[in-house]
Amino acid sequence: MTKTKWAIDAAHSSVDFSIRHMMIANVKGAFHNFNATIEADPTDLTTATIEFTIETSSVDTRSKDRDAHLVSADFFDVENYPTMTFRSTNIEKTDDGEYNVTGDLTLRGTTRPETFAVTFEGQGKDPWGNEKVGFSATGAINRSDYGLTWNAALETGGVLVGDKVKINLQIQAAKAE
């Protein structure tokens, strides 16, 4: 199959994350506004081109106060950095339908290489005849690498917010017209 352009079906996709809180639990969140440009043969991603953009103001942790803090200058600083982006630079096949996708992640004005494990979940037609593909991706970043260093010491030792952010994407895309 040749490279095809794919458009994210946002209603059937998600961008989620989790981070340690108070050193005893994980807090989950999501970004609701995101988009991507994908040019790929879904059965062989090694030649794909992937560009992903997330609106940082769309963060949702199910707590209005926490979300307000996350969009402030202490964290995402959405006034100065309204988006985070990922652009693939290298894709390596690791198994059947499994890939390591490396690219440049830009967050808060800092760009660093990051690698995500990506799985091709399948391809088919929806009831209206539209060609669809599915992918999942997982990875982790250190928030301090991107200048997200705000924290608070705990009385019992340790810190309020962990450094490692686990990321999970579920992507369904439609063949672009």
Protein backbone atom coordinates (compact mmCIF):
# COMPACT_ATOMS: atom_id res chain seq x y z
CA MET A 1 0.00 0.00 0.00
CA THR A 2 1.19 3.55 -0.65
CA LYS A 3 1.27 6.47 1.77
CA THR A 4 -2.17 7.94 2.35
CA LYS A 5 -3.26 11.09 4.20
CA TRP A 6 -5.31 10.41 7.34
CA ALA A 7 -7.36 12.85 9.44
CA ILE A 8 -8.01 12.25 13.13
CA ASP A 9 -11.55 11.34 14.09
CA ALA A 10 -11.56 13.32 17.35
CA ALA A 11 -14.87 11.83 18.53
CA HIS A 12 -13.22 8.40 18.57
CA SER A 13 -9.76 9.42 19.78
CA SER A 14 -8.21 10.44 23.10
CA VAL A 15 -5.04 11.96 24.53
CA ASP A 16 -4.68 10.99 28.21
CA PHE A 17 -1.94 11.31 30.81
CA SER A 18 -1.24 10.36 34.41
CA ILE A 19 1.20 11.64 37.01
CA ARG A 20 2.06 10.78 40.62
CA HIS A 21 0.31 12.92 43.22
CA MET A 22 1.53 13.22 46.82
CA MET A 23 3.79 10.22 46.10
CA ILE A 24 0.88 7.88 46.90
CA ALA A 25 -1.50 7.93 43.93
CA ASN A 26 -1.79 8.71 40.22
CA VAL A 27 -3.93 11.55 38.91
CA LYS A 28 -5.28 11.27 35.39
CA GLY A 29 -6.09 13.94 32.88
CA ALA A 30 -6.83 14.46 29.22
CA PHE A 31 -6.52 17.00 26.45
CA HIS A 32 -9.71 17.43 24.45
CA ASN A 33 -8.51 19.60 21.55
CA PHE A 34 -5.88 18.07 19.29
CA ASN A 35 -5.18 17.46 15.64
CA ALA A 36 -2.69 15.61 13.52
CA THR A 37 -1.39 15.34 10.00
CA ILE A 38 -0.60 11.72 9.24
CA GLU A 39 0.77 10.46 5.95
CA ALA A 40 1.25 6.74 6.20
CA ASP A 41 0.82 3.26 4.88
CA PRO A 42 -0.89 1.97 8.05
CA THR A 43 0.46 -1.54 7.50
CA ASP A 44 4.07 -0.21 7.46
CA LEU A 45 4.58 2.95 9.48
CA THR A 46 8.35 3.07 8.90
CA THR A 47 7.89 5.64 6.10
CA ALA A 48 5.15 7.66 7.85
CA THR A 49 5.17 11.37 8.53
CA ILE A 50 3.33 12.34 11.73
CA GLU A 51 2.70 15.83 13.05
CA PHE A 52 0.56 16.15 16.18
CA THR A 53 -0.67 19.35 17.84
CA ILE A 54 -2.40 19.64 21.23
CA GLU A 55 -4.06 22.79 22.56
CA THR A 56 -2.73 22.96 26.13
CA SER A 57 -5.72 25.04 27.27
CA SER A 58 -7.92 21.98 26.67
CA VAL A 59 -6.45 20.14 29.67
CA ASP A 60 -9.05 18.44 31.86
CA THR A 61 -8.27 16.73 35.17
CA ARG A 62 -11.86 16.87 36.47
CA SER A 63 -10.86 19.70 38.85
CA LYS A 64 -11.46 23.31 37.72
CA ASP A 65 -8.96 24.69 40.26
CA ARG A 66 -6.23 22.24 39.22
CA ASP A 67 -6.93 22.87 35.51
CA ALA A 68 -6.67 26.64 36.10
CA HIS A 69 -3.29 26.09 37.78
CA LEU A 70 -2.11 23.84 34.91
CA VAL A 71 -2.83 26.50 32.25
CA SER A 72 -1.06 29.19 34.32
CA ALA A 73 2.59 30.25 34.01
CA ASP A 74 3.48 27.66 36.71
CA PHE A 75 2.84 24.86 34.19
CA PHE A 76 1.73 25.12 30.53
CA ASP A 77 1.75 28.94 30.38
CA VAL A 78 -0.92 28.81 27.65
CA GLU A 79 -0.77 32.58 27.12
CA ASN A 80 2.76 32.24 25.73
CA TYR A 81 2.69 28.59 24.61
CA PRO A 82 -0.85 27.68 23.46
CA THR A 83 0.16 24.35 21.90
CA MET A 84 2.49 21.43 22.28
CA THR A 85 3.62 19.65 19.14
CA PHE A 86 5.20 16.38 18.10
CA ARG A 87 6.87 15.79 14.72
CA SER A 88 8.17 12.32 13.87
CA THR A 89 11.84 12.04 12.88
CA ASN A 90 12.40 8.27 12.88
CA ILE A 91 10.12 5.23 12.95
CA GLU A 92 11.46 1.76 13.71
CA LYS A 93 9.45 -1.45 13.40
CA THR A 94 9.86 -3.56 16.55
CA ASP A 95 7.34 -6.36 15.84
CA ASP A 96 4.30 -7.08 13.68
CA GLY A 97 2.21 -3.87 13.91
CA GLU A 98 4.51 -2.47 16.63
CA TYR A 99 6.78 0.56 16.24
CA ASN A 100 8.99 2.96 18.15
CA VAL A 101 8.14 6.43 16.88
CA THR A 102 10.77 9.04 17.74
CA GLY A 103 10.21 12.70 17.15
CA ASP A 104 10.66 16.23 18.38
CA LEU A 105 8.26 17.15 21.19
CA THR A 106 7.91 20.88 21.77
CA LEU A 107 6.37 22.00 25.05
CA ARG A 108 6.68 25.44 26.65
CA GLY A 109 9.21 26.51 24.02
CA THR A 110 11.55 23.57 24.64
CA THR A 111 12.07 20.89 21.99
CA ARG A 112 13.45 17.47 22.88
CA PRO A 113 13.47 14.06 21.21
CA GLU A 114 10.95 11.60 22.68
CA THR A 115 10.02 8.04 21.70
CA PHE A 116 6.57 6.48 21.89
CA ALA A 117 5.58 2.84 21.44
CA VAL A 118 2.91 2.77 18.72
CA THR A 119 0.63 -0.12 17.79
CA PHE A 120 -1.33 -0.36 14.55
CA GLU A 121 -4.70 -1.55 15.86
CA GLY A 122 -6.38 -2.27 12.53
CA GLN A 123 -8.10 -0.94 9.44
CA GLY A 124 -11.63 -1.18 8.05
CA LYS A 125 -14.67 0.61 6.67
CA ASP A 126 -17.33 2.18 8.84
CA PRO A 127 -21.06 1.62 8.07
CA TRP A 128 -20.99 4.64 5.69
CA GLY A 129 -18.08 3.29 3.63
CA ASN A 130 -15.36 5.52 5.09
CA GLU A 131 -11.91 3.94 5.41
CA LYS A 132 -10.69 4.08 9.05
CA VAL A 133 -7.48 3.08 10.86
CA GLY A 134 -6.68 2.77 14.54
CA PHE A 135 -3.46 3.33 16.47
CA SER A 136 -2.50 3.38 20.12
CA ALA A 137 0.61 5.00 21.58
CA THR A 138 2.21 5.01 24.99
CA GLY A 139 5.24 6.73 26.42
CA ALA A 140 6.51 8.91 29.22
CA ILE A 141 8.25 12.25 29.52
CA ASN A 142 9.90 14.11 32.38
CA ARG A 143 8.00 17.36 32.82
CA SER A 144 11.05 19.12 34.29
CA ASP A 145 12.85 18.65 30.94
CA TYR A 146 10.34 21.16 29.53
CA GLY A 147 10.53 23.73 32.31
CA LEU A 148 7.45 22.44 34.16
CA THR A 149 9.16 22.45 37.55
CA TRP A 150 6.53 23.88 39.91
CA ASN A 151 6.15 21.70 43.00
CA ALA A 152 5.47 21.76 46.72
CA ALA A 153 7.26 19.85 49.46
CA LEU A 154 5.15 17.53 51.58
CA GLU A 155 5.27 17.58 55.37
CA THR A 156 5.85 13.81 55.34
CA GLY A 157 8.70 14.07 52.82
CA GLY A 158 8.67 14.01 49.05
CA VAL A 159 6.79 16.30 46.71
CA LEU A 160 3.23 17.01 45.66
CA VAL A 161 3.69 16.37 41.91
CA GLY A 162 5.85 13.69 40.31
CA ASP A 163 8.22 14.40 37.42
CA LYS A 164 7.34 11.47 35.15
CA VAL A 165 4.22 11.95 33.02
CA LYS A 166 2.80 8.80 31.44
CA ILE A 167 1.06 9.40 28.11
CA ASN A 168 -1.58 7.25 26.39
CA LEU A 169 -3.11 7.99 22.98
CA GLN A 170 -5.96 6.16 21.29
CA ILE A 171 -6.28 7.37 17.73
CA GLN A 172 -8.87 6.61 15.07
CA ALA A 173 -8.30 8.31 11.73
CA ALA A 174 -10.24 8.53 8.50
CA LYS A 175 -8.79 8.55 5.02
CA ALA A 176 -8.54 12.23 4.09
CA GLU A 177 -10.37 13.35 0.96
